[in-house]
Amino acid sequence: MPYVDKSSRDKFRDVDFPYIVSRISKIGELNYLITKLVLCFMRFSGESYRTYNDIIGVLECVKLELYRKQASYYEDNKEKVNGGIMEEI
């Protein structure tokens, strides 16, 4: 979960996330940046099964959290607008 305390968040206060994201013009570039961040983390943490396992776990949790907090609401709203598939059966 990305719910870290304020002191942990403050470490990243100077990172200009909007600037970084504004430079992305293709989804492959987002993939590249995420991969580069993960590889840099691994370089500092040291290559091991645990590091790979932890990173894969983080990526899976990010995916699930994005769906739970964002995509599911988007889908629910689109279903209200367009109707649901279950209503057609």
PDB file of N, CA and C in Angstrom:
ATOM      1  N   MET A   1       0.833  -1.181   0.000  1.00  0.00           N
ATOM      2  CA  MET A   1       0.000   0.000   0.000  1.00  0.00           C
ATOM      3  C   MET A   1       0.876   1.242   0.000  1.00  0.00           C
ATOM      4  N   PRO A   2       0.468   2.265  -0.686  1.00  0.00           N
ATOM      5  CA  PRO A   2       1.283   3.479  -0.761  1.00  0.00           C
ATOM      6  C   PRO A   2       1.042   4.439   0.395  1.00  0.00           C
ATOM      7  N   TYR A   3       0.435   3.961   1.472  1.00  0.00           N
ATOM      8  CA  TYR A   3       0.093   4.850   2.577  1.00  0.00           C
ATOM      9  C   TYR A   3       1.234   4.904   3.579  1.00  0.00           C
ATOM     10  N   VAL A   4       2.292   5.612   3.231  1.00  0.00           N
ATOM     11  CA  VAL A   4       3.455   5.748   4.099  1.00  0.00           C
ATOM     12  C   VAL A   4       3.327   7.030   4.907  1.00  0.00           C
ATOM     13  N   ASP A   5       4.045   7.084   6.016  1.00  0.00           N
ATOM     14  CA  ASP A   5       3.933   8.255   6.893  1.00  0.00           C
ATOM     15  C   ASP A   5       4.544   9.502   6.256  1.00  0.00           C
ATOM     16  N   LYS A   6       4.257  10.647   6.880  1.00  0.00           N
ATOM     17  CA  LYS A   6       4.653  11.940   6.314  1.00  0.00           C
ATOM     18  C   LYS A   6       6.163  12.055   6.134  1.00  0.00           C
ATOM     19  N   SER A   7       6.936  11.561   7.085  1.00  0.00           N
ATOM     20  CA  SER A   7       8.395  11.685   6.966  1.00  0.00           C
ATOM     21  C   SER A   7       8.915  10.898   5.765  1.00  0.00           C
ATOM     22  N   SER A   8       8.297   9.762   5.476  1.00  0.00           N
ATOM     23  CA  SER A   8       8.701   9.002   4.298  1.00  0.00           C
ATOM     24  C   SER A   8       8.329   9.739   3.023  1.00  0.00           C
ATOM     25  N   ARG A   9       7.155  10.352   3.010  1.00  0.00           N
ATOM     26  CA  ARG A   9       6.725  11.117   1.831  1.00  0.00           C
ATOM     27  C   ARG A   9       7.604  12.348   1.615  1.00  0.00           C
ATOM     28  N   ASP A  10       8.031  12.968   2.709  1.00  0.00           N
ATOM     29  CA  ASP A  10       8.847  14.186   2.611  1.00  0.00           C
ATOM     30  C   ASP A  10      10.164  13.948   1.881  1.00  0.00           C
ATOM     31  N   LYS A  11      10.659  12.713   1.912  1.00  0.00           N
ATOM     32  CA  LYS A  11      11.918  12.414   1.212  1.00  0.00           C
ATOM     33  C   LYS A  11      11.792  12.640  -0.291  1.00  0.00           C
ATOM     34  N   PHE A  12      10.570  12.592  -0.801  1.00  0.00           N
ATOM     35  CA  PHE A  12      10.342  12.700  -2.238  1.00  0.00           C
ATOM     36  C   PHE A  12       9.703  14.028  -2.625  1.00  0.00           C
ATOM     37  N   ARG A  13       9.672  14.968  -1.695  1.00  0.00           N
ATOM     38  CA  ARG A  13       9.040  16.266  -1.919  1.00  0.00           C
ATOM     39  C   ARG A  13       9.643  17.004  -3.107  1.00  0.00           C
ATOM     40  N   ASP A  14      10.938  16.889  -3.323  1.00  0.00           N
ATOM     41  CA  ASP A  14      11.617  17.628  -4.389  1.00  0.00           C
ATOM     42  C   ASP A  14      11.548  16.942  -5.753  1.00  0.00           C
ATOM     43  N   VAL A  15      10.987  15.747  -5.814  1.00  0.00           N
ATOM     44  CA  VAL A  15      10.845  15.061  -7.095  1.00  0.00           C
ATOM     45  C   VAL A  15       9.671  15.694  -7.837  1.00  0.00           C
ATOM     46  N   ASP A  16       9.927  16.166  -9.028  1.00  0.00           N
ATOM     47  CA  ASP A  16       8.889  16.845  -9.816  1.00  0.00           C
ATOM     48  C   ASP A  16       8.144  15.828 -10.670  1.00  0.00           C
ATOM     49  N   PHE A  17       7.230  15.108 -10.042  1.00  0.00           N
ATOM     50  CA  PHE A  17       6.490  14.056 -10.734  1.00  0.00           C
ATOM     51  C   PHE A  17       5.701  14.584 -11.934  1.00  0.00           C
ATOM     52  N   PRO A  18       5.000  15.725 -11.810  1.00  0.00           N
ATOM     53  CA  PRO A  18       4.283  16.241 -12.994  1.00  0.00           C
ATOM     54  C   PRO A  18       5.218  16.506 -14.178  1.00  0.00           C
ATOM     55  N   TYR A  19       6.409  17.017 -13.912  1.00  0.00           N
ATOM     56  CA  TYR A  19       7.361  17.255 -15.004  1.00  0.00           C
ATOM     57  C   TYR A  19       7.771  15.938 -15.656  1.00  0.00           C
ATOM     58  N   ILE A  20       8.090  14.945 -14.824  1.00  0.00           N
ATOM     59  CA  ILE A  20       8.509  13.648 -15.354  1.00  0.00           C
ATOM     60  C   ILE A  20       7.399  13.046 -16.206  1.00  0.00           C
ATOM     61  N   VAL A  21       6.180  13.054 -15.682  1.00  0.00           N
ATOM     62  CA  VAL A  21       5.055  12.453 -16.403  1.00  0.00           C
ATOM     63  C   VAL A  21       4.733  13.227 -17.673  1.00  0.00           C
ATOM     64  N   SER A  22       4.917  14.538 -17.655  1.00  0.00           N
ATOM     65  CA  SER A  22       4.618  15.347 -18.846  1.00  0.00           C
ATOM     66  C   SER A  22       5.563  15.030 -20.005  1.00  0.00           C
ATOM     67  N   ARG A  23       6.677  14.398 -19.720  1.00  0.00           N
ATOM     68  CA  ARG A  23       7.643  14.039 -20.757  1.00  0.00           C
ATOM     69  C   ARG A  23       7.295  12.722 -21.453  1.00  0.00           C
ATOM     70  N   ILE A  24       6.358  11.961 -20.876  1.00  0.00           N
ATOM     71  CA  ILE A  24       5.979  10.661 -21.424  1.00  0.00           C
ATOM     72  C   ILE A  24       4.988  10.871 -22.562  1.00  0.00           C
ATOM     73  N   SER A  25       5.316  10.369 -23.748  1.00  0.00           N
ATOM     74  CA  SER A  25       4.406  10.510 -24.878  1.00  0.00           C
ATOM     75  C   SER A  25       3.865   9.163 -25.355  1.00  0.00           C
ATOM     76  N   LYS A  26       4.459   8.070 -24.868  1.00  0.00           N
ATOM     77  CA  LYS A  26       4.020   6.726 -25.257  1.00  0.00           C
ATOM     78  C   LYS A  26       4.002   5.847 -24.015  1.00  0.00           C
ATOM     79  N   ILE A  27       3.090   4.888 -23.980  1.00  0.00           N
ATOM     80  CA  ILE A  27       2.991   4.004 -22.825  1.00  0.00           C
ATOM     81  C   ILE A  27       4.280   3.211 -22.628  1.00  0.00           C
ATOM     82  N   GLY A  28       5.001   2.935 -23.709  1.00  0.00           N
ATOM     83  CA  GLY A  28       6.285   2.243 -23.590  1.00  0.00           C
ATOM     84  C   GLY A  28       7.295   3.049 -22.785  1.00  0.00           C
ATOM     85  N   GLU A  29       7.196   4.363 -22.840  1.00  0.00           N
ATOM     86  CA  GLU A  29       8.096   5.212 -22.052  1.00  0.00           C
ATOM     87  C   GLU A  29       7.776   5.114 -20.557  1.00  0.00           C
ATOM     88  N   LEU A  30       6.502   4.968 -20.220  1.00  0.00           N
ATOM     89  CA  LEU A  30       6.131   4.747 -18.817  1.00  0.00           C
ATOM     90  C   LEU A  30       6.714   3.416 -18.351  1.00  0.00           C
ATOM     91  N   ASN A  31       6.590   2.391 -19.179  1.00  0.00           N
ATOM     92  CA  ASN A  31       7.165   1.084 -18.869  1.00  0.00           C
ATOM     93  C   ASN A  31       8.675   1.213 -18.662  1.00  0.00           C
ATOM     94  N   TYR A  32       9.331   1.953 -19.534  1.00  0.00           N
ATOM     95  CA  TYR A  32      10.775   2.156 -19.434  1.00  0.00           C
ATOM     96  C   TYR A  32      11.148   2.817 -18.105  1.00  0.00           C
ATOM     97  N   LEU A  33      10.418   3.870 -17.726  1.00  0.00           N
ATOM     98  CA  LEU A  33      10.736   4.590 -16.483  1.00  0.00           C
ATOM     99  C   LEU A  33      10.509   3.717 -15.256  1.00  0.00           C
ATOM    100  N   ILE A  34       9.426   2.975 -15.248  1.00  0.00           N
ATOM    101  CA  ILE A  34       9.161   2.084 -14.116  1.00  0.00           C
ATOM    102  C   ILE A  34      10.246   1.017 -14.030  1.00  0.00           C
ATOM    103  N   THR A  35      10.619   0.434 -15.180  1.00  0.00           N
ATOM    104  CA  THR A  35      11.665  -0.582 -15.208  1.00  0.00           C
ATOM    105  C   THR A  35      12.991  -0.015 -14.719  1.00  0.00           C
ATOM    106  N   LYS A  36      13.335   1.190 -15.160  1.00  0.00           N
ATOM    107  CA  LYS A  36      14.582   1.818 -14.747  1.00  0.00           C
ATOM    108  C   LYS A  36      14.591   2.073 -13.239  1.00  0.00           C
ATOM    109  N   LEU A  37      13.471   2.526 -12.691  1.00  0.00           N
ATOM    110  CA  LEU A  37      13.367   2.748 -11.247  1.00  0.00           C
ATOM    111  C   LEU A  37      13.557   1.438 -10.487  1.00  0.00           C
ATOM    112  N   VAL A  38      12.910   0.385 -10.959  1.00  0.00           N
ATOM    113  CA  VAL A  38      13.025  -0.922 -10.319  1.00  0.00           C
ATOM    114  C   VAL A  38      14.467  -1.427 -10.389  1.00  0.00           C
ATOM    115  N   LEU A  39      15.102  -1.300 -11.544  1.00  0.00           N
ATOM    116  CA  LEU A  39      16.488  -1.778 -11.680  1.00  0.00           C
ATOM    117  C   LEU A  39      17.451  -0.985 -10.805  1.00  0.00           C
ATOM    118  N   CYS A  40      17.231   0.311 -10.691  1.00  0.00           N
ATOM    119  CA  CYS A  40      18.070   1.126  -9.798  1.00  0.00           C
ATOM    120  C   CYS A  40      17.875   0.707  -8.348  1.00  0.00           C
ATOM    121  N   PHE A  41      16.625   0.456  -7.972  1.00  0.00           N
ATOM    122  CA  PHE A  41      16.349  -0.023  -6.612  1.00  0.00           C
ATOM    123  C   PHE A  41      17.078  -1.337  -6.357  1.00  0.00           C
ATOM    124  N   MET A  42      17.006  -2.231  -7.331  1.00  0.00           N
ATOM    125  CA  MET A  42      17.656  -3.533  -7.192  1.00  0.00           C
ATOM    126  C   MET A  42      19.175  -3.374  -7.072  1.00  0.00           C
ATOM    127  N   ARG A  43      19.739  -2.456  -7.820  1.00  0.00           N
ATOM    128  CA  ARG A  43      21.185  -2.233  -7.752  1.00  0.00           C
ATOM    129  C   ARG A  43      21.590  -1.811  -6.337  1.00  0.00           C
ATOM    130  N   PHE A  44      20.782  -0.958  -5.704  1.00  0.00           N
ATOM    131  CA  PHE A  44      21.105  -0.504  -4.353  1.00  0.00           C
ATOM    132  C   PHE A  44      20.768  -1.559  -3.289  1.00  0.00           C
ATOM    133  N   SER A  45      19.767  -2.377  -3.548  1.00  0.00           N
ATOM    134  CA  SER A  45      19.342  -3.387  -2.572  1.00  0.00           C
ATOM    135  C   SER A  45      20.158  -4.664  -2.666  1.00  0.00           C
ATOM    136  N   GLY A  46      20.699  -4.922  -3.845  1.00  0.00           N
ATOM    137  CA  GLY A  46      21.438  -6.152  -4.065  1.00  0.00           C
ATOM    138  C   GLY A  46      20.550  -7.205  -4.685  1.00  0.00           C
ATOM    139  N   GLU A  47      21.083  -7.885  -5.675  1.00  0.00           N
ATOM    140  CA  GLU A  47      20.319  -8.906  -6.376  1.00  0.00           C
ATOM    141  C   GLU A  47      20.187 -10.145  -5.503  1.00  0.00           C
ATOM    142  N   SER A  48      18.951 -10.549  -5.269  1.00  0.00           N
ATOM    143  CA  SER A  48      18.678 -11.757  -4.512  1.00  0.00           C
ATOM    144  C   SER A  48      17.245 -12.185  -4.803  1.00  0.00           C
ATOM    145  N   TYR A  49      16.930 -13.410  -4.438  1.00  0.00           N
ATOM    146  CA  TYR A  49      15.555 -13.880  -4.619  1.00  0.00           C
ATOM    147  C   TYR A  49      14.599 -12.976  -3.847  1.00  0.00           C
ATOM    148  N   ARG A  50      14.982 -12.618  -2.638  1.00  0.00           N
ATOM    149  CA  ARG A  50      14.106 -11.766  -1.814  1.00  0.00           C
ATOM    150  C   ARG A  50      13.847 -10.423  -2.481  1.00  0.00           C
ATOM    151  N   THR A  51      14.883  -9.817  -3.049  1.00  0.00           N
ATOM    152  CA  THR A  51      14.695  -8.529  -3.722  1.00  0.00           C
ATOM    153  C   THR A  51      13.746  -8.669  -4.898  1.00  0.00           C
ATOM    154  N   TYR A  52      13.957  -9.690  -5.725  1.00  0.00           N
ATOM    155  CA  TYR A  52      13.032  -9.920  -6.844  1.00  0.00           C
ATOM    156  C   TYR A  52      11.612 -10.143  -6.335  1.00  0.00           C
ATOM    157  N   ASN A  53      11.484 -10.965  -5.308  1.00  0.00           N
ATOM    158  CA  ASN A  53      10.171 -11.267  -4.750  1.00  0.00           C
ATOM    159  C   ASN A  53       9.505  -9.998  -4.200  1.00  0.00           C
ATOM    160  N   ASP A  54      10.260  -9.184  -3.493  1.00  0.00           N
ATOM    161  CA  ASP A  54       9.716  -7.942  -2.937  1.00  0.00           C
ATOM    162  C   ASP A  54       9.272  -6.980  -4.040  1.00  0.00           C
ATOM    163  N   ILE A  55      10.107  -6.831  -5.067  1.00  0.00           N
ATOM    164  CA  ILE A  55       9.781  -5.918  -6.170  1.00  0.00           C
ATOM    165  C   ILE A  55       8.530  -6.403  -6.911  1.00  0.00           C
ATOM    166  N   ILE A  56       8.468  -7.680  -7.201  1.00  0.00           N
ATOM    167  CA  ILE A  56       7.299  -8.219  -7.895  1.00  0.00           C
ATOM    168  C   ILE A  56       6.052  -8.031  -7.035  1.00  0.00           C
ATOM    169  N   GLY A  57       6.191  -8.212  -5.730  1.00  0.00           N
ATOM    170  CA  GLY A  57       5.070  -7.979  -4.822  1.00  0.00           C
ATOM    171  C   GLY A  57       4.608  -6.536  -4.842  1.00  0.00           C
ATOM    172  N   VAL A  58       5.551  -5.610  -4.854  1.00  0.00           N
ATOM    173  CA  VAL A  58       5.205  -4.184  -4.921  1.00  0.00           C
ATOM    174  C   VAL A  58       4.474  -3.875  -6.215  1.00  0.00           C
ATOM    175  N   LEU A  59       4.994  -4.373  -7.335  1.00  0.00           N
ATOM    176  CA  LEU A  59       4.350  -4.104  -8.627  1.00  0.00           C
ATOM    177  C   LEU A  59       2.933  -4.676  -8.660  1.00  0.00           C
ATOM    178  N   GLU A  60       2.748  -5.857  -8.100  1.00  0.00           N
ATOM    179  CA  GLU A  60       1.413  -6.463  -8.045  1.00  0.00           C
ATOM    180  C   GLU A  60       0.478  -5.621  -7.172  1.00  0.00           C
ATOM    181  N   CYS A  61       0.964  -5.156  -6.036  1.00  0.00           N
ATOM    182  CA  CYS A  61       0.136  -4.324  -5.157  1.00  0.00           C
ATOM    183  C   CYS A  61      -0.203  -2.986  -5.805  1.00  0.00           C
ATOM    184  N   VAL A  62       0.738  -2.410  -6.543  1.00  0.00           N
ATOM    185  CA  VAL A  62       0.457  -1.171  -7.273  1.00  0.00           C
ATOM    186  C   VAL A  62      -0.662  -1.401  -8.278  1.00  0.00           C
ATOM    187  N   LYS A  63      -0.588  -2.514  -8.994  1.00  0.00           N
ATOM    188  CA  LYS A  63      -1.627  -2.865  -9.969  1.00  0.00           C
ATOM    189  C   LYS A  63      -2.982  -2.995  -9.288  1.00  0.00           C
ATOM    190  N   LEU A  64      -3.013  -3.748  -8.203  1.00  0.00           N
ATOM    191  CA  LEU A  64      -4.278  -3.968  -7.502  1.00  0.00           C
ATOM    192  C   LEU A  64      -4.839  -2.674  -6.916  1.00  0.00           C
ATOM    193  N   GLU A  65      -3.982  -1.852  -6.364  1.00  0.00           N
ATOM    194  CA  GLU A  65      -4.425  -0.585  -5.771  1.00  0.00           C
ATOM    195  C   GLU A  65      -4.948   0.363  -6.843  1.00  0.00           C
ATOM    196  N   LEU A  66      -4.310   0.397  -7.992  1.00  0.00           N
ATOM    197  CA  LEU A  66      -4.783   1.231  -9.099  1.00  0.00           C
ATOM    198  C   LEU A  66      -6.173   0.787  -9.526  1.00  0.00           C
ATOM    199  N   TYR A  67      -6.371  -0.518  -9.624  1.00  0.00           N
ATOM    200  CA  TYR A  67      -7.695  -1.017 -10.008  1.00  0.00           C
ATOM    201  C   TYR A  67      -8.724  -0.704  -8.928  1.00  0.00           C
ATOM    202  N   ARG A  68      -8.365  -0.982  -7.676  1.00  0.00           N
ATOM    203  CA  ARG A  68      -9.306  -0.817  -6.561  1.00  0.00           C
ATOM    204  C   ARG A  68      -9.721   0.635  -6.367  1.00  0.00           C
ATOM    205  N   LYS A  69      -8.772   1.554  -6.478  1.00  0.00           N
ATOM    206  CA  LYS A  69      -9.047   2.960  -6.179  1.00  0.00           C
ATOM    207  C   LYS A  69      -9.433   3.794  -7.393  1.00  0.00           C
ATOM    208  N   GLN A  70      -9.094   3.376  -8.603  1.00  0.00           N
ATOM    209  CA  GLN A  70      -9.330   4.199  -9.778  1.00  0.00           C
ATOM    210  C   GLN A  70     -10.168   3.500 -10.840  1.00  0.00           C
ATOM    211  N   ALA A  71      -9.665   2.399 -11.359  1.00  0.00           N
ATOM    212  CA  ALA A  71     -10.307   1.760 -12.510  1.00  0.00           C
ATOM    213  C   ALA A  71     -11.704   1.250 -12.188  1.00  0.00           C
ATOM    214  N   SER A  72     -11.911   0.709 -10.997  1.00  0.00           N
ATOM    215  CA  SER A  72     -13.232   0.171 -10.669  1.00  0.00           C
ATOM    216  C   SER A  72     -14.288   1.273 -10.642  1.00  0.00           C
ATOM    217  N   TYR A  73     -13.936   2.456 -10.152  1.00  0.00           N
ATOM    218  CA  TYR A  73     -14.885   3.576 -10.162  1.00  0.00           C
ATOM    219  C   TYR A  73     -15.181   4.033 -11.589  1.00  0.00           C
ATOM    220  N   TYR A  74     -14.150   4.058 -12.408  1.00  0.00           N
ATOM    221  CA  TYR A  74     -14.329   4.420 -13.817  1.00  0.00           C
ATOM    222  C   TYR A  74     -15.277   3.438 -14.486  1.00  0.00           C
ATOM    223  N   GLU A  75     -15.041   2.139 -14.259  1.00  0.00           N
ATOM    224  CA  GLU A  75     -15.895   1.120 -14.862  1.00  0.00           C
ATOM    225  C   GLU A  75     -17.334   1.218 -14.355  1.00  0.00           C
ATOM    226  N   ASP A  76     -17.506   1.451 -13.071  1.00  0.00           N
ATOM    227  CA  ASP A  76     -18.858   1.591 -12.517  1.00  0.00           C
ATOM    228  C   ASP A  76     -19.608   2.754 -13.162  1.00  0.00           C
ATOM    229  N   ASN A  77     -18.923   3.867 -13.360  1.00  0.00           N
ATOM    230  CA  ASN A  77     -19.562   5.027 -13.993  1.00  0.00           C
ATOM    231  C   ASN A  77     -19.914   4.748 -15.450  1.00  0.00           C
ATOM    232  N   LYS A  78     -19.025   4.069 -16.167  1.00  0.00           N
ATOM    233  CA  LYS A  78     -19.309   3.731 -17.566  1.00  0.00           C
ATOM    234  C   LYS A  78     -20.482   2.756 -17.660  1.00  0.00           C
ATOM    235  N   GLU A  79     -20.589   1.860 -16.701  1.00  0.00           N
ATOM    236  CA  GLU A  79     -21.712   0.929 -16.699  1.00  0.00           C
ATOM    237  C   GLU A  79     -23.030   1.681 -16.490  1.00  0.00           C
ATOM    238  N   LYS A  80     -23.020   2.695 -15.644  1.00  0.00           N
ATOM    239  CA  LYS A  80     -24.229   3.501 -15.433  1.00  0.00           C
ATOM    240  C   LYS A  80     -24.625   4.227 -16.713  1.00  0.00           C
ATOM    241  N   VAL A  81     -23.637   4.717 -17.458  1.00  0.00           N
ATOM    242  CA  VAL A  81     -23.895   5.450 -18.685  1.00  0.00           C
ATOM    243  C   VAL A  81     -24.345   4.503 -19.804  1.00  0.00           C
ATOM    244  N   ASN A  82     -23.645   3.397 -19.979  1.00  0.00           N
ATOM    245  CA  ASN A  82     -23.873   2.521 -21.133  1.00  0.00           C
ATOM    246  C   ASN A  82     -24.686   1.272 -20.834  1.00  0.00           C
ATOM    247  N   GLY A  83     -24.929   1.004 -19.567  1.00  0.00           N
ATOM    248  CA  GLY A  83     -25.617  -0.232 -19.223  1.00  0.00           C
ATOM    249  C   GLY A  83     -24.634  -1.359 -19.059  1.00  0.00           C
ATOM    250  N   GLY A  84     -25.016  -2.334 -18.260  1.00  0.00           N
ATOM    251  CA  GLY A  84     -24.121  -3.452 -17.973  1.00  0.00           C
ATOM    252  C   GLY A  84     -24.390  -4.649 -18.873  1.00  0.00           C
ATOM    253  N   ILE A  85     -23.399  -5.473 -18.992  1.00  0.00           N
ATOM    254  CA  ILE A  85     -23.507  -6.678 -19.814  1.00  0.00           C
ATOM    255  C   ILE A  85     -24.483  -7.672 -19.200  1.00  0.00           C
ATOM    256  N   MET A  86     -24.548  -7.721 -17.874  1.00  0.00           N
ATOM    257  CA  MET A  86     -25.430  -8.687 -17.224  1.00  0.00           C
ATOM    258  C   MET A  86     -26.900  -8.396 -17.502  1.00  0.00           C
ATOM    259  N   GLU A  87     -27.204  -7.137 -17.794  1.00  0.00           N
ATOM    260  CA  GLU A  87     -28.587  -6.764 -18.101  1.00  0.00           C
ATOM    261  C   GLU A  87     -29.025  -7.294 -19.468  1.00  0.00           C
ATOM    262  N   GLU A  88     -28.069  -7.651 -20.311  1.00  0.00           N
ATOM    263  CA  GLU A  88     -28.374  -8.133 -21.662  1.00  0.00           C
ATOM    264  C   GLU A  88     -28.654  -9.629 -21.685  1.00  0.00           C
ATOM    265  N   ILE A  89     -28.288 -10.314 -20.649  1.00  0.00           N
ATOM    266  CA  ILE A  89     -28.428 -11.774 -20.629  1.00  0.00           C
ATOM    267  C   ILE A  89     -29.820 -12.168 -20.160  1.00  0.00           C
TER     268      ILE A  89
END
